[in-house]
Amino acid sequence: MDSTTNIILLLLILILYMLPTLLAFSREHPRRGAIGVANILIGWTLIGWVVVFLWAALGHVEEQPV
């Protein structure tokens, strides 16, 4: 593989790894900072990543008035 392919593959893996954090920030989760820290610290384990992903996806987010 050439270096461009390696860089693109590395970026895709990084985005997938940080998906719970990106989801928490996009949903404006009230504990998004804690989700980010937990994702970095325990996200490398499959169970930890799934737990953090569920925390970010299923957490209660208050509606913002329009």
N, C-alpha and C. Protein backbone atom coordinates (compact mmCIF):
# COMPACT_ATOMS: atom_id res chain seq x y z
N MET A 1 0.84 -1.19 0.00
CA MET A 1 0.00 0.00 0.00
C MET A 1 0.88 1.25 0.00
N ASP A 2 0.38 2.29 -0.63
CA ASP A 2 1.14 3.52 -0.62
C ASP A 2 0.76 4.37 0.60
N SER A 3 1.47 5.45 0.81
CA SER A 3 1.28 6.26 2.01
C SER A 3 -0.08 6.96 2.04
N THR A 4 -0.61 7.33 0.88
CA THR A 4 -1.92 7.99 0.84
C THR A 4 -3.01 7.04 1.33
N THR A 5 -2.96 5.81 0.90
CA THR A 5 -3.93 4.81 1.34
C THR A 5 -3.82 4.58 2.83
N ASN A 6 -2.60 4.53 3.34
CA ASN A 6 -2.39 4.33 4.78
C ASN A 6 -2.96 5.49 5.59
N ILE A 7 -2.79 6.70 5.13
CA ILE A 7 -3.29 7.87 5.84
C ILE A 7 -4.81 7.88 5.83
N ILE A 8 -5.42 7.58 4.69
CA ILE A 8 -6.89 7.54 4.61
C ILE A 8 -7.44 6.44 5.51
N LEU A 9 -6.82 5.28 5.52
CA LEU A 9 -7.25 4.18 6.38
C LEU A 9 -7.11 4.56 7.85
N LEU A 10 -6.03 5.20 8.22
CA LEU A 10 -5.82 5.64 9.59
C LEU A 10 -6.87 6.66 10.02
N LEU A 11 -7.21 7.60 9.15
CA LEU A 11 -8.24 8.59 9.46
C LEU A 11 -9.62 7.95 9.62
N LEU A 12 -9.93 6.97 8.79
CA LEU A 12 -11.21 6.27 8.93
C LEU A 12 -11.29 5.50 10.24
N ILE A 13 -10.20 4.86 10.63
CA ILE A 13 -10.17 4.15 11.90
C ILE A 13 -10.30 5.11 13.06
N LEU A 14 -9.65 6.26 12.99
CA LEU A 14 -9.74 7.26 14.04
C LEU A 14 -11.15 7.82 14.16
N ILE A 15 -11.81 8.07 13.05
CA ILE A 15 -13.19 8.57 13.08
C ILE A 15 -14.12 7.52 13.68
N LEU A 16 -13.94 6.27 13.32
CA LEU A 16 -14.76 5.20 13.89
C LEU A 16 -14.51 5.06 15.38
N TYR A 17 -13.26 5.16 15.80
CA TYR A 17 -12.92 5.06 17.22
C TYR A 17 -13.55 6.20 18.03
N MET A 18 -13.55 7.41 17.47
CA MET A 18 -14.07 8.58 18.17
C MET A 18 -15.55 8.83 17.89
N LEU A 19 -16.23 7.91 17.25
CA LEU A 19 -17.64 8.07 16.92
C LEU A 19 -18.53 8.38 18.12
N PRO A 20 -18.35 7.74 19.29
CA PRO A 20 -19.18 8.11 20.44
C PRO A 20 -19.00 9.57 20.85
N THR A 21 -17.78 10.06 20.83
CA THR A 21 -17.52 11.44 21.19
C THR A 21 -18.14 12.39 20.16
N LEU A 22 -17.97 12.08 18.89
CA LEU A 22 -18.56 12.91 17.84
C LEU A 22 -20.08 12.93 17.95
N LEU A 23 -20.66 11.79 18.27
CA LEU A 23 -22.11 11.71 18.44
C LEU A 23 -22.57 12.54 19.63
N ALA A 24 -21.84 12.47 20.74
CA ALA A 24 -22.21 13.23 21.94
C ALA A 24 -22.14 14.73 21.67
N PHE A 25 -21.12 15.18 20.97
CA PHE A 25 -21.00 16.61 20.67
C PHE A 25 -22.05 17.06 19.66
N SER A 26 -22.38 16.21 18.71
CA SER A 26 -23.39 16.60 17.72
C SER A 26 -24.78 16.66 18.35
N ARG A 27 -25.05 15.82 19.35
CA ARG A 27 -26.34 15.84 20.04
C ARG A 27 -26.36 16.82 21.20
N GLU A 28 -25.24 17.49 21.47
CA GLU A 28 -25.09 18.41 22.60
C GLU A 28 -25.47 17.73 23.91
N HIS A 29 -24.92 16.54 24.09
CA HIS A 29 -25.14 15.75 25.29
C HIS A 29 -24.57 16.52 26.49
N PRO A 30 -25.30 16.57 27.61
CA PRO A 30 -24.81 17.33 28.76
C PRO A 30 -23.51 16.78 29.35
N ARG A 31 -23.18 15.52 29.15
CA ARG A 31 -21.95 14.92 29.68
C ARG A 31 -20.96 14.61 28.56
N ARG A 32 -20.95 15.44 27.51
CA ARG A 32 -20.09 15.14 26.37
C ARG A 32 -18.61 15.14 26.69
N GLY A 33 -18.18 15.95 27.65
CA GLY A 33 -16.78 15.93 28.05
C GLY A 33 -16.39 14.61 28.69
N ALA A 34 -17.25 14.12 29.57
CA ALA A 34 -17.00 12.83 30.23
C ALA A 34 -17.03 11.69 29.22
N ILE A 35 -17.92 11.80 28.25
CA ILE A 35 -17.99 10.77 27.20
C ILE A 35 -16.70 10.76 26.39
N GLY A 36 -16.17 11.94 26.09
CA GLY A 36 -14.91 12.02 25.35
C GLY A 36 -13.75 11.41 26.11
N VAL A 37 -13.68 11.71 27.40
CA VAL A 37 -12.60 11.15 28.22
C VAL A 37 -12.73 9.64 28.33
N ALA A 38 -13.95 9.17 28.57
CA ALA A 38 -14.17 7.72 28.68
C ALA A 38 -13.87 7.03 27.35
N ASN A 39 -14.22 7.66 26.25
CA ASN A 39 -13.94 7.09 24.95
C ASN A 39 -12.43 6.93 24.73
N ILE A 40 -11.67 7.94 25.12
CA ILE A 40 -10.22 7.86 24.94
C ILE A 40 -9.61 6.81 25.87
N LEU A 41 -10.09 6.75 27.12
CA LEU A 41 -9.47 5.86 28.09
C LEU A 41 -9.89 4.39 27.95
N ILE A 42 -11.18 4.12 27.72
CA ILE A 42 -11.63 2.73 27.66
C ILE A 42 -12.21 2.34 26.31
N GLY A 43 -12.18 3.24 25.36
CA GLY A 43 -12.74 2.95 24.05
C GLY A 43 -11.95 1.91 23.27
N TRP A 44 -10.70 1.67 23.64
CA TRP A 44 -9.89 0.69 22.93
C TRP A 44 -10.37 -0.74 23.18
N THR A 45 -11.13 -0.94 24.26
CA THR A 45 -11.73 -2.26 24.47
C THR A 45 -13.08 -2.26 23.76
N LEU A 46 -13.46 -3.35 23.21
CA LEU A 46 -14.71 -3.40 22.47
C LEU A 46 -15.90 -3.13 23.39
N ILE A 47 -15.89 -3.71 24.57
CA ILE A 47 -16.99 -3.50 25.52
C ILE A 47 -17.04 -2.03 25.95
N GLY A 48 -15.90 -1.44 26.24
CA GLY A 48 -15.85 -0.04 26.62
C GLY A 48 -16.37 0.87 25.53
N TRP A 49 -16.01 0.58 24.28
CA TRP A 49 -16.48 1.40 23.16
C TRP A 49 -17.99 1.30 23.02
N VAL A 50 -18.53 0.09 23.16
CA VAL A 50 -19.98 -0.10 23.03
C VAL A 50 -20.70 0.63 24.16
N VAL A 51 -20.18 0.55 25.38
CA VAL A 51 -20.81 1.23 26.52
C VAL A 51 -20.81 2.75 26.30
N VAL A 52 -19.68 3.29 25.88
CA VAL A 52 -19.60 4.74 25.66
C VAL A 52 -20.49 5.15 24.49
N PHE A 53 -20.55 4.33 23.46
CA PHE A 53 -21.43 4.63 22.33
C PHE A 53 -22.89 4.66 22.76
N LEU A 54 -23.30 3.68 23.55
CA LEU A 54 -24.69 3.66 24.04
C LEU A 54 -24.97 4.84 24.96
N TRP A 55 -24.00 5.21 25.77
CA TRP A 55 -24.14 6.37 26.66
C TRP A 55 -24.38 7.63 25.82
N ALA A 56 -23.62 7.78 24.77
CA ALA A 56 -23.76 8.96 23.92
C ALA A 56 -25.06 8.93 23.12
N ALA A 57 -25.45 7.75 22.66
CA ALA A 57 -26.61 7.65 21.78
C ALA A 57 -27.93 7.66 22.55
N LEU A 58 -27.96 7.08 23.73
CA LEU A 58 -29.21 6.93 24.44
C LEU A 58 -29.40 7.91 25.58
N GLY A 59 -28.43 8.75 25.82
CA GLY A 59 -28.53 9.71 26.90
C GLY A 59 -29.61 10.75 26.63
N HIS A 60 -30.22 11.21 27.72
CA HIS A 60 -31.30 12.20 27.61
C HIS A 60 -30.71 13.55 27.22
N VAL A 61 -31.23 14.12 26.16
CA VAL A 61 -30.82 15.44 25.68
C VAL A 61 -32.05 16.32 25.69
N GLU A 62 -31.97 17.45 26.39
CA GLU A 62 -33.11 18.35 26.46
C GLU A 62 -33.32 19.08 25.14
N GLU A 63 -34.58 19.29 24.83
CA GLU A 63 -34.93 19.99 23.59
C GLU A 63 -34.55 21.46 23.70
N GLN A 64 -33.98 22.00 22.64
CA GLN A 64 -33.64 23.41 22.57
C GLN A 64 -34.81 24.15 21.94
N PRO A 65 -35.27 25.23 22.56
CA PRO A 65 -36.37 26.00 21.94
C PRO A 65 -35.89 26.64 20.64
N VAL A 66 -36.78 26.65 19.67
CA VAL A 66 -36.42 27.19 18.34
C VAL A 66 -36.62 28.65 18.27
